[in-house]
Amino acid sequence: MNQEELAKLKRKIKALKVLDYIFWVVNILLIVIPFYHYYKKGFSFDLYFALVTVLNILGFYCSYIITDKTLYFKRKHQHFSEKLIEE
């Protein structure tokens, strides 16, 4: 891996970090909104509450995948940048 590839990898890491923050904000909203709706409906479950809860689960799964890829790319970047320094 050369310097150009390391720079591309660093840009991927930055993009994934931004995407990760966005997904966490969306996940927090997907937690707050259904409970607010649940409170407004008089504590009764409905299809909206169930749908938003399922979307929240999918959002957390996407956040997990993004975080996993970010950590992988960070470790890969660290490994190859150390190899380039040694050479």
PDB file of N, CA and C in Angstrom:
ATOM      1  N   MET A   1       0.861  -1.174   0.000  1.00  0.00           N
ATOM      2  CA  MET A   1       0.000   0.000   0.000  1.00  0.00           C
ATOM      3  C   MET A   1       0.905   1.234   0.000  1.00  0.00           C
ATOM      4  N   ASN A   2       0.577   2.191  -0.846  1.00  0.00           N
ATOM      5  CA  ASN A   2       1.398   3.394  -0.946  1.00  0.00           C
ATOM      6  C   ASN A   2       0.694   4.583  -0.278  1.00  0.00           C
ATOM      7  N   GLN A   3       1.321   5.753  -0.396  1.00  0.00           N
ATOM      8  CA  GLN A   3       0.801   6.951   0.261  1.00  0.00           C
ATOM      9  C   GLN A   3      -0.566   7.364  -0.289  1.00  0.00           C
ATOM     10  N   GLU A   4      -0.768   7.213  -1.598  1.00  0.00           N
ATOM     11  CA  GLU A   4      -2.052   7.590  -2.201  1.00  0.00           C
ATOM     12  C   GLU A   4      -3.189   6.723  -1.668  1.00  0.00           C
ATOM     13  N   GLU A   5      -2.934   5.433  -1.566  1.00  0.00           N
ATOM     14  CA  GLU A   5      -3.954   4.522  -1.049  1.00  0.00           C
ATOM     15  C   GLU A   5      -4.246   4.807   0.420  1.00  0.00           C
ATOM     16  N   LEU A   6      -3.214   5.177   1.165  1.00  0.00           N
ATOM     17  CA  LEU A   6      -3.424   5.544   2.567  1.00  0.00           C
ATOM     18  C   LEU A   6      -4.260   6.814   2.681  1.00  0.00           C
ATOM     19  N   ALA A   7      -4.043   7.759   1.778  1.00  0.00           N
ATOM     20  CA  ALA A   7      -4.833   8.986   1.786  1.00  0.00           C
ATOM     21  C   ALA A   7      -6.304   8.687   1.456  1.00  0.00           C
ATOM     22  N   LYS A   8      -6.534   7.792   0.486  1.00  0.00           N
ATOM     23  CA  LYS A   8      -7.903   7.388   0.156  1.00  0.00           C
ATOM     24  C   LYS A   8      -8.565   6.700   1.342  1.00  0.00           C
ATOM     25  N   LEU A   9      -7.802   5.871   2.014  1.00  0.00           N
ATOM     26  CA  LEU A   9      -8.324   5.165   3.186  1.00  0.00           C
ATOM     27  C   LEU A   9      -8.682   6.148   4.296  1.00  0.00           C
ATOM     28  N   LYS A  10      -7.859   7.170   4.467  1.00  0.00           N
ATOM     29  CA  LYS A  10      -8.136   8.180   5.484  1.00  0.00           C
ATOM     30  C   LYS A  10      -9.413   8.953   5.145  1.00  0.00           C
ATOM     31  N   ARG A  11      -9.633   9.238   3.865  1.00  0.00           N
ATOM     32  CA  ARG A  11     -10.872   9.916   3.452  1.00  0.00           C
ATOM     33  C   ARG A  11     -12.091   9.028   3.700  1.00  0.00           C
ATOM     34  N   LYS A  12     -11.937   7.723   3.466  1.00  0.00           N
ATOM     35  CA  LYS A  12     -13.035   6.790   3.747  1.00  0.00           C
ATOM     36  C   LYS A  12     -13.364   6.796   5.233  1.00  0.00           C
ATOM     37  N   ILE A  13     -12.322   6.828   6.059  1.00  0.00           N
ATOM     38  CA  ILE A  13     -12.531   6.836   7.510  1.00  0.00           C
ATOM     39  C   ILE A  13     -13.290   8.084   7.927  1.00  0.00           C
ATOM     40  N   LYS A  14     -12.903   9.237   7.388  1.00  0.00           N
ATOM     41  CA  LYS A  14     -13.593  10.484   7.724  1.00  0.00           C
ATOM     42  C   LYS A  14     -15.049  10.453   7.271  1.00  0.00           C
ATOM     43  N   ALA A  15     -15.290   9.937   6.076  1.00  0.00           N
ATOM     44  CA  ALA A  15     -16.666   9.856   5.559  1.00  0.00           C
ATOM     45  C   ALA A  15     -17.515   8.922   6.416  1.00  0.00           C
ATOM     46  N   LEU A  16     -16.933   7.806   6.819  1.00  0.00           N
ATOM     47  CA  LEU A  16     -17.675   6.872   7.660  1.00  0.00           C
ATOM     48  C   LEU A  16     -17.953   7.451   9.041  1.00  0.00           C
ATOM     49  N   LYS A  17     -17.036   8.254   9.564  1.00  0.00           N
ATOM     50  CA  LYS A  17     -17.274   8.900  10.860  1.00  0.00           C
ATOM     51  C   LYS A  17     -18.464   9.849  10.775  1.00  0.00           C
ATOM     52  N   VAL A  18     -18.526  10.635   9.703  1.00  0.00           N
ATOM     53  CA  VAL A  18     -19.647  11.562   9.522  1.00  0.00           C
ATOM     54  C   VAL A  18     -20.949  10.779   9.385  1.00  0.00           C
ATOM     55  N   LEU A  19     -20.921   9.728   8.588  1.00  0.00           N
ATOM     56  CA  LEU A  19     -22.101   8.891   8.408  1.00  0.00           C
ATOM     57  C   LEU A  19     -22.529   8.250   9.726  1.00  0.00           C
ATOM     58  N   ASP A  20     -21.562   7.860  10.527  1.00  0.00           N
ATOM     59  CA  ASP A  20     -21.862   7.265  11.827  1.00  0.00           C
ATOM     60  C   ASP A  20     -22.567   8.265  12.741  1.00  0.00           C
ATOM     61  N   TYR A  21     -22.096   9.503  12.787  1.00  0.00           N
ATOM     62  CA  TYR A  21     -22.758  10.523  13.604  1.00  0.00           C
ATOM     63  C   TYR A  21     -24.185  10.777  13.121  1.00  0.00           C
ATOM     64  N   ILE A  22     -24.371  10.807  11.815  1.00  0.00           N
ATOM     65  CA  ILE A  22     -25.706  11.021  11.260  1.00  0.00           C
ATOM     66  C   ILE A  22     -26.644   9.892  11.676  1.00  0.00           C
ATOM     67  N   PHE A  23     -26.168   8.650  11.580  1.00  0.00           N
ATOM     68  CA  PHE A  23     -27.007   7.521  11.960  1.00  0.00           C
ATOM     69  C   PHE A  23     -27.322   7.531  13.451  1.00  0.00           C
ATOM     70  N   TRP A  24     -26.391   7.964  14.281  1.00  0.00           N
ATOM     71  CA  TRP A  24     -26.683   8.028  15.708  1.00  0.00           C
ATOM     72  C   TRP A  24     -27.745   9.081  16.016  1.00  0.00           C
ATOM     73  N   VAL A  25     -27.708  10.204  15.318  1.00  0.00           N
ATOM     74  CA  VAL A  25     -28.739  11.231  15.502  1.00  0.00           C
ATOM     75  C   VAL A  25     -30.096  10.685  15.064  1.00  0.00           C
ATOM     76  N   VAL A  26     -30.114  10.005  13.921  1.00  0.00           N
ATOM     77  CA  VAL A  26     -31.361   9.409  13.437  1.00  0.00           C
ATOM     78  C   VAL A  26     -31.873   8.369  14.430  1.00  0.00           C
ATOM     79  N   ASN A  27     -30.982   7.562  14.974  1.00  0.00           N
ATOM     80  CA  ASN A  27     -31.395   6.546  15.942  1.00  0.00           C
ATOM     81  C   ASN A  27     -31.976   7.173  17.202  1.00  0.00           C
ATOM     82  N   ILE A  28     -31.382   8.246  17.665  1.00  0.00           N
ATOM     83  CA  ILE A  28     -31.911   8.918  18.853  1.00  0.00           C
ATOM     84  C   ILE A  28     -33.296   9.477  18.562  1.00  0.00           C
ATOM     85  N   LEU A  29     -33.460  10.070  17.382  1.00  0.00           N
ATOM     86  CA  LEU A  29     -34.784  10.557  17.001  1.00  0.00           C
ATOM     87  C   LEU A  29     -35.794   9.419  16.888  1.00  0.00           C
ATOM     88  N   LEU A  30     -35.352   8.282  16.369  1.00  0.00           N
ATOM     89  CA  LEU A  30     -36.247   7.135  16.241  1.00  0.00           C
ATOM     90  C   LEU A  30     -36.565   6.493  17.594  1.00  0.00           C
ATOM     91  N   ILE A  31     -35.848   6.866  18.627  1.00  0.00           N
ATOM     92  CA  ILE A  31     -36.198   6.428  19.978  1.00  0.00           C
ATOM     93  C   ILE A  31     -37.168   7.419  20.608  1.00  0.00           C
ATOM     94  N   VAL A  32     -36.892   8.694  20.444  1.00  0.00           N
ATOM     95  CA  VAL A  32     -37.691   9.735  21.101  1.00  0.00           C
ATOM     96  C   VAL A  32     -39.072   9.882  20.457  1.00  0.00           C
ATOM     97  N   ILE A  33     -39.131   9.915  19.145  1.00  0.00           N
ATOM     98  CA  ILE A  33     -40.394  10.165  18.448  1.00  0.00           C
ATOM     99  C   ILE A  33     -41.468   9.122  18.773  1.00  0.00           C
ATOM    100  N   PRO A  34     -41.178   7.816  18.743  1.00  0.00           N
ATOM    101  CA  PRO A  34     -42.256   6.872  19.047  1.00  0.00           C
ATOM    102  C   PRO A  34     -42.749   6.967  20.493  1.00  0.00           C
ATOM    103  N   PHE A  35     -41.849   7.264  21.419  1.00  0.00           N
ATOM    104  CA  PHE A  35     -42.310   7.389  22.797  1.00  0.00           C
ATOM    105  C   PHE A  35     -43.146   8.642  22.990  1.00  0.00           C
ATOM    106  N   TYR A  36     -42.833   9.702  22.281  1.00  0.00           N
ATOM    107  CA  TYR A  36     -43.663  10.899  22.317  1.00  0.00           C
ATOM    108  C   TYR A  36     -45.037  10.587  21.721  1.00  0.00           C
ATOM    109  N   HIS A  37     -45.054   9.881  20.608  1.00  0.00           N
ATOM    110  CA  HIS A  37     -46.306   9.469  19.975  1.00  0.00           C
ATOM    111  C   HIS A  37     -47.096   8.543  20.916  1.00  0.00           C
ATOM    112  N   TYR A  38     -46.405   7.623  21.554  1.00  0.00           N
ATOM    113  CA  TYR A  38     -47.028   6.696  22.510  1.00  0.00           C
ATOM    114  C   TYR A  38     -47.681   7.474  23.653  1.00  0.00           C
ATOM    115  N   TYR A  39     -47.000   8.495  24.143  1.00  0.00           N
ATOM    116  CA  TYR A  39     -47.540   9.341  25.214  1.00  0.00           C
ATOM    117  C   TYR A  39     -48.760  10.124  24.723  1.00  0.00           C
ATOM    118  N   LYS A  40     -48.690  10.685  23.507  1.00  0.00           N
ATOM    119  CA  LYS A  40     -49.789  11.479  22.952  1.00  0.00           C
ATOM    120  C   LYS A  40     -51.027  10.625  22.664  1.00  0.00           C
ATOM    121  N   LYS A  41     -50.844   9.359  22.318  1.00  0.00           N
ATOM    122  CA  LYS A  41     -51.964   8.459  22.017  1.00  0.00           C
ATOM    123  C   LYS A  41     -52.601   7.866  23.266  1.00  0.00           C
ATOM    124  N   GLY A  42     -52.136   8.267  24.424  1.00  0.00           N
ATOM    125  CA  GLY A  42     -52.715   7.738  25.658  1.00  0.00           C
ATOM    126  C   GLY A  42     -52.193   6.370  26.031  1.00  0.00           C
ATOM    127  N   PHE A  43     -50.927   6.137  25.754  1.00  0.00           N
ATOM    128  CA  PHE A  43     -50.231   4.899  26.123  1.00  0.00           C
ATOM    129  C   PHE A  43     -50.853   3.664  25.467  1.00  0.00           C
ATOM    130  N   SER A  44     -51.164   3.789  24.193  1.00  0.00           N
ATOM    131  CA  SER A  44     -51.664   2.632  23.444  1.00  0.00           C
ATOM    132  C   SER A  44     -50.734   2.385  22.255  1.00  0.00           C
ATOM    133  N   PHE A  45     -50.458   1.116  22.051  1.00  0.00           N
ATOM    134  CA  PHE A  45     -49.587   0.735  20.937  1.00  0.00           C
ATOM    135  C   PHE A  45     -50.386   0.786  19.642  1.00  0.00           C
ATOM    136  N   ASP A  46     -49.721   1.168  18.572  1.00  0.00           N
ATOM    137  CA  ASP A  46     -50.332   1.159  17.259  1.00  0.00           C
ATOM    138  C   ASP A  46     -49.277   0.804  16.221  1.00  0.00           C
ATOM    139  N   LEU A  47     -49.701   0.766  14.981  1.00  0.00           N
ATOM    140  CA  LEU A  47     -48.808   0.368  13.898  1.00  0.00           C
ATOM    141  C   LEU A  47     -47.647   1.342  13.730  1.00  0.00           C
ATOM    142  N   TYR A  48     -47.886   2.634  13.943  1.00  0.00           N
ATOM    143  CA  TYR A  48     -46.835   3.646  13.822  1.00  0.00           C
ATOM    144  C   TYR A  48     -45.702   3.367  14.813  1.00  0.00           C
ATOM    145  N   PHE A  49     -46.064   3.086  16.059  1.00  0.00           N
ATOM    146  CA  PHE A  49     -45.063   2.795  17.093  1.00  0.00           C
ATOM    147  C   PHE A  49     -44.244   1.570  16.703  1.00  0.00           C
ATOM    148  N   ALA A  50     -44.913   0.522  16.220  1.00  0.00           N
ATOM    149  CA  ALA A  50     -44.210  -0.703  15.826  1.00  0.00           C
ATOM    150  C   ALA A  50     -43.303  -0.452  14.621  1.00  0.00           C
ATOM    151  N   LEU A  51     -43.786   0.306  13.646  1.00  0.00           N
ATOM    152  CA  LEU A  51     -42.990   0.589  12.448  1.00  0.00           C
ATOM    153  C   LEU A  51     -41.729   1.387  12.782  1.00  0.00           C
ATOM    154  N   VAL A  52     -41.872   2.412  13.604  1.00  0.00           N
ATOM    155  CA  VAL A  52     -40.715   3.223  13.966  1.00  0.00           C
ATOM    156  C   VAL A  52     -39.736   2.414  14.817  1.00  0.00           C
ATOM    157  N   THR A  53     -40.241   1.507  15.633  1.00  0.00           N
ATOM    158  CA  THR A  53     -39.361   0.648  16.424  1.00  0.00           C
ATOM    159  C   THR A  53     -38.553  -0.281  15.513  1.00  0.00           C
ATOM    160  N   VAL A  54     -39.191  -0.828  14.490  1.00  0.00           N
ATOM    161  CA  VAL A  54     -38.477  -1.678  13.531  1.00  0.00           C
ATOM    162  C   VAL A  54     -37.433  -0.850  12.773  1.00  0.00           C
ATOM    163  N   LEU A  55     -37.788   0.369  12.386  1.00  0.00           N
ATOM    164  CA  LEU A  55     -36.812   1.255  11.722  1.00  0.00           C
ATOM    165  C   LEU A  55     -35.635   1.560  12.641  1.00  0.00           C
ATOM    166  N   ASN A  56     -35.906   1.690  13.925  1.00  0.00           N
ATOM    167  CA  ASN A  56     -34.850   1.940  14.894  1.00  0.00           C
ATOM    168  C   ASN A  56     -33.892   0.751  14.970  1.00  0.00           C
ATOM    169  N   ILE A  57     -34.439  -0.438  14.957  1.00  0.00           N
ATOM    170  CA  ILE A  57     -33.597  -1.638  14.981  1.00  0.00           C
ATOM    171  C   ILE A  57     -32.714  -1.685  13.731  1.00  0.00           C
ATOM    172  N   LEU A  58     -33.292  -1.396  12.572  1.00  0.00           N
ATOM    173  CA  LEU A  58     -32.502  -1.366  11.336  1.00  0.00           C
ATOM    174  C   LEU A  58     -31.448  -0.262  11.376  1.00  0.00           C
ATOM    175  N   GLY A  59     -31.792   0.877  11.965  1.00  0.00           N
ATOM    176  CA  GLY A  59     -30.828   1.971  12.093  1.00  0.00           C
ATOM    177  C   GLY A  59     -29.655   1.595  12.981  1.00  0.00           C
ATOM    178  N   PHE A  60     -29.945   0.904  14.087  1.00  0.00           N
ATOM    179  CA  PHE A  60     -28.857   0.471  14.965  1.00  0.00           C
ATOM    180  C   PHE A  60     -27.972  -0.562  14.266  1.00  0.00           C
ATOM    181  N   TYR A  61     -28.588  -1.420  13.458  1.00  0.00           N
ATOM    182  CA  TYR A  61     -27.796  -2.396  12.714  1.00  0.00           C
ATOM    183  C   TYR A  61     -26.880  -1.693  11.708  1.00  0.00           C
ATOM    184  N   CYS A  62     -27.402  -0.696  11.008  1.00  0.00           N
ATOM    185  CA  CYS A  62     -26.578   0.081  10.073  1.00  0.00           C
ATOM    186  C   CYS A  62     -25.449   0.797  10.816  1.00  0.00           C
ATOM    187  N   SER A  63     -25.751   1.331  11.995  1.00  0.00           N
ATOM    188  CA  SER A  63     -24.705   1.984  12.799  1.00  0.00           C
ATOM    189  C   SER A  63     -23.618   0.989  13.188  1.00  0.00           C
ATOM    190  N   TYR A  64     -24.027  -0.224  13.511  1.00  0.00           N
ATOM    191  CA  TYR A  64     -23.063  -1.271  13.858  1.00  0.00           C
ATOM    192  C   TYR A  64     -22.146  -1.571  12.667  1.00  0.00           C
ATOM    193  N   ILE A  65     -22.729  -1.711  11.484  1.00  0.00           N
ATOM    194  CA  ILE A  65     -21.932  -2.008  10.286  1.00  0.00           C
ATOM    195  C   ILE A  65     -20.966  -0.862   9.990  1.00  0.00           C
ATOM    196  N   ILE A  66     -21.441   0.367  10.089  1.00  0.00           N
ATOM    197  CA  ILE A  66     -20.588   1.530   9.827  1.00  0.00           C
ATOM    198  C   ILE A  66     -19.443   1.596  10.830  1.00  0.00           C
ATOM    199  N   THR A  67     -19.743   1.388  12.104  1.00  0.00           N
ATOM    200  CA  THR A  67     -18.707   1.421  13.137  1.00  0.00           C
ATOM    201  C   THR A  67     -17.689   0.305  12.920  1.00  0.00           C
ATOM    202  N   ASP A  68     -18.165  -0.878  12.543  1.00  0.00           N
ATOM    203  CA  ASP A  68     -17.279  -2.002  12.294  1.00  0.00           C
ATOM    204  C   ASP A  68     -16.330  -1.707  11.128  1.00  0.00           C
ATOM    205  N   LYS A  69     -16.861  -1.158  10.044  1.00  0.00           N
ATOM    206  CA  LYS A  69     -16.015  -0.817   8.895  1.00  0.00           C
ATOM    207  C   LYS A  69     -15.027   0.292   9.250  1.00  0.00           C
ATOM    208  N   THR A  70     -15.473   1.270  10.042  1.00  0.00           N
ATOM    209  CA  THR A  70     -14.588   2.348  10.451  1.00  0.00           C
ATOM    210  C   THR A  70     -13.408   1.807  11.251  1.00  0.00           C
ATOM    211  N   LEU A  71     -13.684   0.935  12.205  1.00  0.00           N
ATOM    212  CA  LEU A  71     -12.604   0.351  13.005  1.00  0.00           C
ATOM    213  C   LEU A  71     -11.659  -0.483  12.145  1.00  0.00           C
ATOM    214  N   TYR A  72     -12.222  -1.233  11.203  1.00  0.00           N
ATOM    215  CA  TYR A  72     -11.385  -2.037  10.302  1.00  0.00           C
ATOM    216  C   TYR A  72     -10.460  -1.142   9.482  1.00  0.00           C
ATOM    217  N   PHE A  73     -11.018  -0.078   8.902  1.00  0.00           N
ATOM    218  CA  PHE A  73     -10.208   0.826   8.095  1.00  0.00           C
ATOM    219  C   PHE A  73      -9.168   1.557   8.942  1.00  0.00           C
ATOM    220  N   LYS A  74      -9.505   1.908  10.174  1.00  0.00           N
ATOM    221  CA  LYS A  74      -8.532   2.566  11.058  1.00  0.00           C
ATOM    222  C   LYS A  74      -7.357   1.646  11.337  1.00  0.00           C
ATOM    223  N   ARG A  75      -7.661   0.391  11.657  1.00  0.00           N
ATOM    224  CA  ARG A  75      -6.585  -0.556  11.945  1.00  0.00           C
ATOM    225  C   ARG A  75      -5.739  -0.832  10.709  1.00  0.00           C
ATOM    226  N   LYS A  76      -6.394  -0.928   9.560  1.00  0.00           N
ATOM    227  CA  LYS A  76      -5.671  -1.141   8.307  1.00  0.00           C
ATOM    228  C   LYS A  76      -4.760   0.051   8.014  1.00  0.00           C
ATOM    229  N   HIS A  77      -5.273   1.256   8.217  1.00  0.00           N
ATOM    230  CA  HIS A  77      -4.486   2.466   7.990  1.00  0.00           C
ATOM    231  C   HIS A  77      -3.286   2.501   8.933  1.00  0.00           C
ATOM    232  N   GLN A  78      -3.530   2.194  10.196  1.00  0.00           N
ATOM    233  CA  GLN A  78      -2.438   2.210  11.172  1.00  0.00           C
ATOM    234  C   GLN A  78      -1.381   1.168  10.814  1.00  0.00           C
ATOM    235  N   HIS A  79      -1.813  -0.009  10.445  1.00  0.00           N
ATOM    236  CA  HIS A  79      -0.881  -1.086  10.116  1.00  0.00           C
ATOM    237  C   HIS A  79       0.005  -0.709   8.932  1.00  0.00           C
ATOM    238  N   PHE A  80      -0.614  -0.242   7.852  1.00  0.00           N
ATOM    239  CA  PHE A  80       0.167   0.062   6.655  1.00  0.00           C
ATOM    240  C   PHE A  80       0.977   1.350   6.792  1.00  0.00           C
ATOM    241  N   SER A  81       0.507   2.297   7.585  1.00  0.00           N
ATOM    242  CA  SER A  81       1.329   3.495   7.783  1.00  0.00           C
ATOM    243  C   SER A  81       2.566   3.156   8.614  1.00  0.00           C
ATOM    244  N   GLU A  82       2.437   2.230   9.563  1.00  0.00           N
ATOM    245  CA  GLU A  82       3.613   1.780  10.316  1.00  0.00           C
ATOM    246  C   GLU A  82       4.568   1.012   9.407  1.00  0.00           C
ATOM    247  N   LYS A  83       4.033   0.216   8.493  1.00  0.00           N
ATOM    248  CA  LYS A  83       4.888  -0.521   7.550  1.00  0.00           C
ATOM    249  C   LYS A  83       5.648   0.436   6.640  1.00  0.00           C
ATOM    250  N   LEU A  84       4.989   1.514   6.201  1.00  0.00           N
ATOM    251  CA  LEU A  84       5.680   2.474   5.342  1.00  0.00           C
ATOM    252  C   LEU A  84       6.762   3.230   6.098  1.00  0.00           C
ATOM    253  N   ILE A  85       6.535   3.485   7.367  1.00  0.00           N
ATOM    254  CA  ILE A  85       7.548   4.185   8.185  1.00  0.00           C
ATOM    255  C   ILE A  85       8.769   3.278   8.373  1.00  0.00           C
ATOM    256  N   GLU A  86       8.547   1.979   8.564  1.00  0.00           N
ATOM    257  CA  GLU A  86       9.655   1.039   8.775  1.00  0.00           C
ATOM    258  C   GLU A  86      10.536   0.917   7.523  1.00  0.00           C
ATOM    259  N   GLU A  87       9.944   1.064   6.358  1.00  0.00           N
ATOM    260  CA  GLU A  87      10.712   0.868   5.119  1.00  0.00           C
ATOM    261  C   GLU A  87      11.507   2.056   4.778  1.00  0.00           C
TER     262      GLU A  87
END
